[in-house]
Each structure stands twice: as structure tokens, then as C-alpha cells.
């Protein structure tokens, strides 16, 4: 591949799990990732932040029934390509 690694190879196990979870649910919050993957809330936040910095996720407000906005994470086109490969 011209010395380049496939996108999936560039992600660690937790990053891949996070991308798959967001793909399944449409969006995810840090706490949901932590519970689903069995990691601390702090670790989940770091995983999600890395994926945002690398262009796989975007932060967006998630409006709850209480009318309070919380940040959730949704897939970018790069992550969709990863899922489909």
C-alpha cells in the first residue's frame, strides 16, 4: 500500500471498539463507551478525544428529555470508510 497502513491498523483495540459502538448506535457519550467497553470514564474520554483529533469522530450536542445538552460523538466519513473496509 505504498508504505501506508490501512486505517484499521492505525487504531488500537479500544479505538476500534469505540468506532464500532458509535456506528451501531449513531452516537455515543463517554459514559456509554466506558460501560460498554469496561473502561474508566477518564479512559473513555481519552479514547474519544483521540478519535476526534484523528478525524474519525466529531463532537456534537445530544439533547436529552431534560432539555439539557450533553456532548456526544458521531462518526465522520473517515470512520465510515473504516467500517466499510
C-alpha atoms as a PDB file:
ATOM      1  CA  UNK A   1       0.000   0.000   0.000  1.00  0.00           C
ATOM      2  CA  UNK A   2       2.749   2.475  -0.870  1.00  0.00           C
ATOM      3  CA  UNK A   3       4.156   2.332   2.673  1.00  0.00           C
ATOM      4  CA  UNK A   4       0.851   3.445   4.182  1.00  0.00           C
ATOM      5  CA  UNK A   5      -1.075   1.377   6.659  1.00  0.00           C
ATOM      6  CA  UNK A   6      -4.771   0.668   6.288  1.00  0.00           C
ATOM      7  CA  UNK A   7      -6.872   2.930   8.588  1.00  0.00           C
ATOM      8  CA  UNK A   8      -7.928  -0.001  10.784  1.00  0.00           C
ATOM      9  CA  UNK A   9      -4.266  -0.792  11.504  1.00  0.00           C
ATOM     10  CA  UNK A  10      -3.750   2.755  12.777  1.00  0.00           C
ATOM     11  CA  UNK A  11      -6.338   2.339  15.528  1.00  0.00           C
ATOM     12  CA  UNK A  12      -5.881   0.464  18.772  1.00  0.00           C
ATOM     13  CA  UNK A  13      -8.382  -2.086  20.057  1.00  0.00           C
ATOM     14  CA  UNK A  14     -10.283   0.437  22.192  1.00  0.00           C
ATOM     15  CA  UNK A  15     -10.431   2.947  19.353  1.00  0.00           C
ATOM     16  CA  UNK A  16     -11.854   0.291  17.015  1.00  0.00           C
ATOM     17  CA  UNK A  17     -14.402  -0.714  19.673  1.00  0.00           C
ATOM     18  CA  UNK A  18     -15.427   2.919  20.077  1.00  0.00           C
ATOM     19  CA  UNK A  19     -15.868   3.420  16.322  1.00  0.00           C
ATOM     20  CA  UNK A  20     -17.958   0.240  16.069  1.00  0.00           C
ATOM     21  CA  UNK A  21     -20.121   1.276  19.020  1.00  0.00           C
ATOM     22  CA  UNK A  22     -20.776   4.717  17.533  1.00  0.00           C
ATOM     23  CA  UNK A  23     -21.575   3.087  14.180  1.00  0.00           C
ATOM     24  CA  UNK A  24     -24.116   0.794  15.860  1.00  0.00           C
ATOM     25  CA  UNK A  25     -25.781   3.474  17.980  1.00  0.00           C
ATOM     26  CA  UNK A  26     -25.450   6.548  15.784  1.00  0.00           C
ATOM     27  CA  UNK A  27     -23.786   8.496  18.604  1.00  0.00           C
ATOM     28  CA  UNK A  28     -22.301   7.711  21.983  1.00  0.00           C
ATOM     29  CA  UNK A  29     -21.420   9.574  25.167  1.00  0.00           C
ATOM     30  CA  UNK A  30     -18.262   8.951  27.173  1.00  0.00           C
ATOM     31  CA  UNK A  31     -20.109   7.142  29.946  1.00  0.00           C
ATOM     32  CA  UNK A  32     -21.804   4.790  27.464  1.00  0.00           C
ATOM     33  CA  UNK A  33     -18.468   3.865  25.922  1.00  0.00           C
ATOM     34  CA  UNK A  34     -16.917   3.307  29.352  1.00  0.00           C
ATOM     35  CA  UNK A  35     -19.729   0.954  30.362  1.00  0.00           C
ATOM     36  CA  UNK A  36     -19.834  -0.917  27.048  1.00  0.00           C
ATOM     37  CA  UNK A  37     -16.082  -1.496  26.827  1.00  0.00           C
ATOM     38  CA  UNK A  38     -15.394  -1.905  30.551  1.00  0.00           C
ATOM     39  CA  UNK A  39     -13.003   1.017  30.999  1.00  0.00           C
ATOM     40  CA  UNK A  40     -12.986   4.050  33.272  1.00  0.00           C
ATOM     41  CA  UNK A  41     -14.825   7.214  32.307  1.00  0.00           C
ATOM     42  CA  UNK A  42     -11.484   9.010  32.062  1.00  0.00           C
ATOM     43  CA  UNK A  43     -10.094   6.370  29.674  1.00  0.00           C
ATOM     44  CA  UNK A  44     -13.236   6.542  27.550  1.00  0.00           C
ATOM     45  CA  UNK A  45     -12.914  10.322  27.299  1.00  0.00           C
ATOM     46  CA  UNK A  46      -9.289   9.982  26.190  1.00  0.00           C
ATOM     47  CA  UNK A  47     -10.204   7.377  23.550  1.00  0.00           C
ATOM     48  CA  UNK A  48     -12.964   9.592  22.167  1.00  0.00           C
ATOM     49  CA  UNK A  49     -10.751  12.686  22.197  1.00  0.00           C
ATOM     50  CA  UNK A  50      -8.042  10.830  20.239  1.00  0.00           C
ATOM     51  CA  UNK A  51     -10.610   9.760  17.650  1.00  0.00           C
ATOM     52  CA  UNK A  52     -11.830  13.354  17.318  1.00  0.00           C
ATOM     53  CA  UNK A  53      -8.261  14.653  16.862  1.00  0.00           C
ATOM     54  CA  UNK A  54      -7.606  11.999  14.217  1.00  0.00           C
ATOM     55  CA  UNK A  55     -10.790  12.833  12.325  1.00  0.00           C
ATOM     56  CA  UNK A  56     -12.780   9.644  12.989  1.00  0.00           C
ATOM     57  CA  UNK A  57     -15.407  11.246  15.265  1.00  0.00           C
ATOM     58  CA  UNK A  58     -16.980  14.645  15.733  1.00  0.00           C
ATOM     59  CA  UNK A  59     -18.385  16.097  18.943  1.00  0.00           C
ATOM     60  CA  UNK A  60     -21.954  17.256  18.757  1.00  0.00           C
ATOM     61  CA  UNK A  61     -24.623  18.161  21.276  1.00  0.00           C
ATOM     62  CA  UNK A  62     -27.048  15.421  22.254  1.00  0.00           C
ATOM     63  CA  UNK A  63     -30.312  16.778  23.568  1.00  0.00           C
ATOM     64  CA  UNK A  64     -31.950  14.773  26.280  1.00  0.00           C
ATOM     65  CA  UNK A  65     -35.514  14.748  27.551  1.00  0.00           C
ATOM     66  CA  UNK A  66     -34.442  17.109  30.322  1.00  0.00           C
ATOM     67  CA  UNK A  67     -33.608  19.744  27.664  1.00  0.00           C
ATOM     68  CA  UNK A  68     -30.018  19.685  28.830  1.00  0.00           C
ATOM     69  CA  UNK A  69     -27.401  19.363  26.173  1.00  0.00           C
ATOM     70  CA  UNK A  70     -24.522  16.951  26.597  1.00  0.00           C
ATOM     71  CA  UNK A  71     -21.735  16.215  24.211  1.00  0.00           C
ATOM     72  CA  UNK A  72     -21.984  13.049  22.199  1.00  0.00           C
ATOM     73  CA  UNK A  73     -19.776  11.691  19.448  1.00  0.00           C
ATOM     74  CA  UNK A  74     -20.755  10.782  15.891  1.00  0.00           C
ATOM     75  CA  UNK A  75     -18.852   9.205  13.001  1.00  0.00           C
ATOM     76  CA  UNK A  76     -17.081  11.136  10.277  1.00  0.00           C
ATOM     77  CA  UNK A  77     -16.682   9.989   6.683  1.00  0.00           C
ATOM     78  CA  UNK A  78     -13.236   8.576   7.503  1.00  0.00           C
ATOM     79  CA  UNK A  79     -14.773   6.336  10.149  1.00  0.00           C
ATOM     80  CA  UNK A  80     -17.489   5.213   7.738  1.00  0.00           C
ATOM     81  CA  UNK A  81     -14.753   4.179   5.299  1.00  0.00           C
ATOM     82  CA  UNK A  82     -13.081   2.210   8.093  1.00  0.00           C
ATOM     83  CA  UNK A  83     -16.313   0.393   8.947  1.00  0.00           C
ATOM     84  CA  UNK A  84     -16.975  -0.453   5.299  1.00  0.00           C
ATOM     85  CA  UNK A  85     -13.457  -1.777   4.611  1.00  0.00           C
END
